[in-house]
């Protein structure tokens, strides 16, 4: 006989997936910012090499 009431774990699963999506997007954003920062540093170094 099935249990009455709301289904078990649905709230926890939804919360977990929301938090994991936040974590994944945060890590992707950090990775993108890091790449951009490295690009600017490399560009600055290359420009200084060309001047000298």
PDB file of N, CA and C in Angstrom:
ATOM      1  N   UNK A   1       0.838  -1.170   0.000  1.00  0.00           N
ATOM      2  CA  UNK A   1       0.000   0.000   0.000  1.00  0.00           C
ATOM      3  C   UNK A   1       0.894   1.250   0.000  1.00  0.00           C
ATOM      4  N   UNK A   2       0.681   2.193  -0.952  1.00  0.00           N
ATOM      5  CA  UNK A   2       1.540   3.373  -1.045  1.00  0.00           C
ATOM      6  C   UNK A   2       1.354   4.310   0.149  1.00  0.00           C
ATOM      7  N   UNK A   3       2.423   5.014   0.452  1.00  0.00           N
ATOM      8  CA  UNK A   3       2.374   5.955   1.571  1.00  0.00           C
ATOM      9  C   UNK A   3       1.605   7.207   1.170  1.00  0.00           C
ATOM     10  N   UNK A   4       0.999   7.834   2.158  1.00  0.00           N
ATOM     11  CA  UNK A   4       0.285   9.079   1.902  1.00  0.00           C
ATOM     12  C   UNK A   4       1.225  10.246   2.181  1.00  0.00           C
ATOM     13  N   UNK A   5       0.906  11.397   1.602  1.00  0.00           N
ATOM     14  CA  UNK A   5       1.725  12.587   1.810  1.00  0.00           C
ATOM     15  C   UNK A   5       2.617  12.853   0.607  1.00  0.00           C
ATOM     16  N   UNK A   6       3.492  13.832   0.762  1.00  0.00           N
ATOM     17  CA  UNK A   6       4.353  14.184  -0.367  1.00  0.00           C
ATOM     18  C   UNK A   6       5.473  13.160  -0.546  1.00  0.00           C
ATOM     19  N   UNK A   7       6.007  13.129  -1.747  1.00  0.00           N
ATOM     20  CA  UNK A   7       7.053  12.164  -2.072  1.00  0.00           C
ATOM     21  C   UNK A   7       8.330  12.477  -1.310  1.00  0.00           C
ATOM     22  N   UNK A   8       9.031  11.437  -0.951  1.00  0.00           N
ATOM     23  CA  UNK A   8      10.256  11.580  -0.181  1.00  0.00           C
ATOM     24  C   UNK A   8      11.395  12.079  -1.079  1.00  0.00           C
ATOM     25  N   UNK A   9      12.240  12.935  -0.516  1.00  0.00           N
ATOM     26  CA  UNK A   9      13.466  13.418  -1.152  1.00  0.00           C
ATOM     27  C   UNK A   9      13.279  14.390  -2.308  1.00  0.00           C
ATOM     28  N   UNK A  10      12.088  14.747  -2.689  1.00  0.00           N
ATOM     29  CA  UNK A  10      11.939  15.651  -3.831  1.00  0.00           C
ATOM     30  C   UNK A  10      12.472  17.033  -3.507  1.00  0.00           C
ATOM     31  N   UNK A  11      12.245  17.512  -2.301  1.00  0.00           N
ATOM     32  CA  UNK A  11      12.724  18.834  -1.919  1.00  0.00           C
ATOM     33  C   UNK A  11      14.249  18.832  -1.835  1.00  0.00           C
ATOM     34  N   UNK A  12      14.811  17.801  -1.226  1.00  0.00           N
ATOM     35  CA  UNK A  12      16.261  17.726  -1.095  1.00  0.00           C
ATOM     36  C   UNK A  12      16.945  17.599  -2.448  1.00  0.00           C
ATOM     37  N   UNK A  13      16.361  16.819  -3.345  1.00  0.00           N
ATOM     38  CA  UNK A  13      16.944  16.648  -4.674  1.00  0.00           C
ATOM     39  C   UNK A  13      16.932  17.966  -5.436  1.00  0.00           C
ATOM     40  N   UNK A  14      15.830  18.697  -5.355  1.00  0.00           N
ATOM     41  CA  UNK A  14      15.724  19.978  -6.050  1.00  0.00           C
ATOM     42  C   UNK A  14      16.740  20.966  -5.484  1.00  0.00           C
ATOM     43  N   UNK A  15      16.868  20.999  -4.179  1.00  0.00           N
ATOM     44  CA  UNK A  15      17.816  21.899  -3.527  1.00  0.00           C
ATOM     45  C   UNK A  15      19.249  21.544  -3.918  1.00  0.00           C
ATOM     46  N   UNK A  16      19.540  20.263  -3.914  1.00  0.00           N
ATOM     47  CA  UNK A  16      20.882  19.803  -4.259  1.00  0.00           C
ATOM     48  C   UNK A  16      21.232  20.161  -5.703  1.00  0.00           C
ATOM     49  N   UNK A  17      20.312  19.918  -6.619  1.00  0.00           N
ATOM     50  CA  UNK A  17      20.595  20.218  -8.024  1.00  0.00           C
ATOM     51  C   UNK A  17      20.767  21.722  -8.231  1.00  0.00           C
ATOM     52  N   UNK A  18      19.992  22.523  -7.503  1.00  0.00           N
ATOM     53  CA  UNK A  18      20.127  23.983  -7.596  1.00  0.00           C
ATOM     54  C   UNK A  18      21.512  24.409  -7.120  1.00  0.00           C
ATOM     55  N   UNK A  19      21.940  23.879  -5.980  1.00  0.00           N
ATOM     56  CA  UNK A  19      23.250  24.244  -5.443  1.00  0.00           C
ATOM     57  C   UNK A  19      24.386  23.760  -6.341  1.00  0.00           C
ATOM     58  N   UNK A  20      24.240  22.585  -6.898  1.00  0.00           N
ATOM     59  CA  UNK A  20      25.285  22.074  -7.788  1.00  0.00           C
ATOM     60  C   UNK A  20      25.375  22.910  -9.057  1.00  0.00           C
ATOM     61  N   UNK A  21      24.240  23.355  -9.587  1.00  0.00           N
ATOM     62  CA  UNK A  21      24.248  24.223 -10.766  1.00  0.00           C
ATOM     63  C   UNK A  21      24.934  25.547 -10.453  1.00  0.00           C
ATOM     64  N   UNK A  22      24.685  26.087  -9.256  1.00  0.00           N
ATOM     65  CA  UNK A  22      25.354  27.317  -8.849  1.00  0.00           C
ATOM     66  C   UNK A  22      26.857  27.112  -8.793  1.00  0.00           C
ATOM     67  N   UNK A  23      27.277  25.995  -8.244  1.00  0.00           N
ATOM     68  CA  UNK A  23      28.707  25.689  -8.117  1.00  0.00           C
ATOM     69  C   UNK A  23      29.352  25.556  -9.488  1.00  0.00           C
ATOM     70  N   UNK A  24      28.688  24.861 -10.394  1.00  0.00           N
ATOM     71  CA  UNK A  24      29.241  24.643 -11.728  1.00  0.00           C
ATOM     72  C   UNK A  24      29.381  25.966 -12.476  1.00  0.00           C
ATOM     73  N   UNK A  25      28.363  26.820 -12.397  1.00  0.00           N
ATOM     74  CA  UNK A  25      28.434  28.104 -13.093  1.00  0.00           C
ATOM     75  C   UNK A  25      29.493  29.003 -12.469  1.00  0.00           C
ATOM     76  N   UNK A  26      29.638  28.938 -11.146  1.00  0.00           N
ATOM     77  CA  UNK A  26      30.657  29.738 -10.463  1.00  0.00           C
ATOM     78  C   UNK A  26      32.055  29.314 -10.914  1.00  0.00           C
ATOM     79  N   UNK A  27      32.298  28.014 -10.974  1.00  0.00           N
ATOM     80  CA  UNK A  27      33.603  27.520 -11.401  1.00  0.00           C
ATOM     81  C   UNK A  27      33.887  27.894 -12.858  1.00  0.00           C
ATOM     82  N   UNK A  28      32.882  27.815 -13.711  1.00  0.00           N
ATOM     83  CA  UNK A  28      33.062  28.173 -15.114  1.00  0.00           C
ATOM     84  C   UNK A  28      33.394  29.653 -15.250  1.00  0.00           C
ATOM     85  N   UNK A  29      32.722  30.489 -14.469  1.00  0.00           N
ATOM     86  CA  UNK A  29      32.977  31.925 -14.507  1.00  0.00           C
ATOM     87  C   UNK A  29      34.387  32.233 -14.024  1.00  0.00           C
ATOM     88  N   UNK A  30      34.823  31.572 -12.961  1.00  0.00           N
ATOM     89  CA  UNK A  30      36.177  31.779 -12.456  1.00  0.00           C
ATOM     90  C   UNK A  30      37.211  31.370 -13.500  1.00  0.00           C
ATOM     91  N   UNK A  31      36.976  30.269 -14.174  1.00  0.00           N
ATOM     92  CA  UNK A  31      37.887  29.785 -15.199  1.00  0.00           C
ATOM     93  C   UNK A  31      37.975  30.795 -16.348  1.00  0.00           C
ATOM     94  N   UNK A  32      36.830  31.352 -16.740  1.00  0.00           N
ATOM     95  CA  UNK A  32      36.786  32.326 -17.827  1.00  0.00           C
ATOM     96  C   UNK A  32      37.542  33.595 -17.439  1.00  0.00           C
ATOM     97  N   UNK A  33      37.317  34.082 -16.217  1.00  0.00           N
ATOM     98  CA  UNK A  33      38.014  35.285 -15.758  1.00  0.00           C
ATOM     99  C   UNK A  33      39.515  35.066 -15.705  1.00  0.00           C
ATOM    100  N   UNK A  34      39.928  33.877 -15.260  1.00  0.00           N
ATOM    101  CA  UNK A  34      41.343  33.552 -15.177  1.00  0.00           C
ATOM    102  C   UNK A  34      41.982  33.560 -16.562  1.00  0.00           C
ATOM    103  N   UNK A  35      41.296  33.001 -17.547  1.00  0.00           N
ATOM    104  CA  UNK A  35      41.810  32.993 -18.913  1.00  0.00           C
ATOM    105  C   UNK A  35      41.961  34.417 -19.444  1.00  0.00           C
ATOM    106  N   UNK A  36      40.957  35.261 -19.196  1.00  0.00           N
ATOM    107  CA  UNK A  36      41.011  36.635 -19.664  1.00  0.00           C
ATOM    108  C   UNK A  36      42.169  37.384 -19.010  1.00  0.00           C
ATOM    109  N   UNK A  37      42.368  37.153 -17.717  1.00  0.00           N
ATOM    110  CA  UNK A  37      43.455  37.808 -17.002  1.00  0.00           C
ATOM    111  C   UNK A  37      44.809  37.402 -17.592  1.00  0.00           C
ATOM    112  N   UNK A  38      44.955  36.100 -17.881  1.00  0.00           N
ATOM    113  CA  UNK A  38      46.191  35.618 -18.484  1.00  0.00           C
ATOM    114  C   UNK A  38      46.409  36.209 -19.875  1.00  0.00           C
ATOM    115  N   UNK A  39      45.345  36.343 -20.650  1.00  0.00           N
ATOM    116  CA  UNK A  39      45.451  36.930 -21.981  1.00  0.00           C
ATOM    117  C   UNK A  39      45.953  38.363 -21.903  1.00  0.00           C
ATOM    118  N   UNK A  40      45.422  39.153 -20.954  1.00  0.00           N
ATOM    119  CA  UNK A  40      45.864  40.542 -20.839  1.00  0.00           C
ATOM    120  C   UNK A  40      47.325  40.620 -20.413  1.00  0.00           C
ATOM    121  N   UNK A  41      47.739  39.737 -19.510  1.00  0.00           N
ATOM    122  CA  UNK A  41      49.137  39.726 -19.071  1.00  0.00           C
ATOM    123  C   UNK A  41      50.055  39.360 -20.234  1.00  0.00           C
ATOM    124  N   UNK A  42      49.684  38.351 -20.996  1.00  0.00           N
ATOM    125  CA  UNK A  42      50.494  37.925 -22.137  1.00  0.00           C
ATOM    126  C   UNK A  42      50.581  39.035 -23.177  1.00  0.00           C
ATOM    127  N   UNK A  43      49.465  39.703 -23.420  1.00  0.00           N
ATOM    128  CA  UNK A  43      49.445  40.786 -24.392  1.00  0.00           C
ATOM    129  C   UNK A  43      50.357  41.921 -23.940  1.00  0.00           C
ATOM    130  N   UNK A  44      50.305  42.249 -22.650  1.00  0.00           N
ATOM    131  CA  UNK A  44      51.134  43.319 -22.116  1.00  0.00           C
ATOM    132  C   UNK A  44      52.617  42.971 -22.258  1.00  0.00           C
ATOM    133  N   UNK A  45      52.973  41.728 -21.991  1.00  0.00           N
ATOM    134  CA  UNK A  45      54.362  41.279 -22.107  1.00  0.00           C
ATOM    135  C   UNK A  45      54.817  41.341 -23.561  1.00  0.00           C
ATOM    136  N   UNK A  46      53.979  40.880 -24.471  1.00  0.00           N
ATOM    137  CA  UNK A  46      54.336  40.901 -25.884  1.00  0.00           C
ATOM    138  C   UNK A  46      54.495  42.323 -26.393  1.00  0.00           C
ATOM    139  N   UNK A  47      53.650  43.236 -25.952  1.00  0.00           N
ATOM    140  CA  UNK A  47      53.762  44.635 -26.350  1.00  0.00           C
ATOM    141  C   UNK A  47      55.071  45.239 -25.829  1.00  0.00           C
ATOM    142  N   UNK A  48      55.446  44.914 -24.599  1.00  0.00           N
ATOM    143  CA  UNK A  48      56.688  45.455 -24.050  1.00  0.00           C
ATOM    144  C   UNK A  48      57.903  44.874 -24.778  1.00  0.00           C
ATOM    145  N   UNK A  49      57.818  43.623 -25.234  1.00  0.00           N
ATOM    146  CA  UNK A  49      58.920  43.013 -25.994  1.00  0.00           C
ATOM    147  C   UNK A  49      59.088  43.701 -27.344  1.00  0.00           C
ATOM    148  N   UNK A  50      57.979  44.050 -27.986  1.00  0.00           N
ATOM    149  CA  UNK A  50      58.039  44.701 -29.299  1.00  0.00           C
ATOM    150  C   UNK A  50      58.638  46.086 -29.206  1.00  0.00           C
ATOM    151  N   UNK A  51      58.389  46.788 -28.114  1.00  0.00           N
ATOM    152  CA  UNK A  51      58.910  48.154 -27.940  1.00  0.00           C
ATOM    153  C   UNK A  51      60.415  48.157 -27.755  1.00  0.00           C
ATOM    154  N   UNK A  52      60.944  47.137 -27.103  1.00  0.00           N
ATOM    155  CA  UNK A  52      62.393  47.118 -26.842  1.00  0.00           C
ATOM    156  C   UNK A  52      63.178  46.439 -27.909  1.00  0.00           C
TER     157      UNK A  52
END
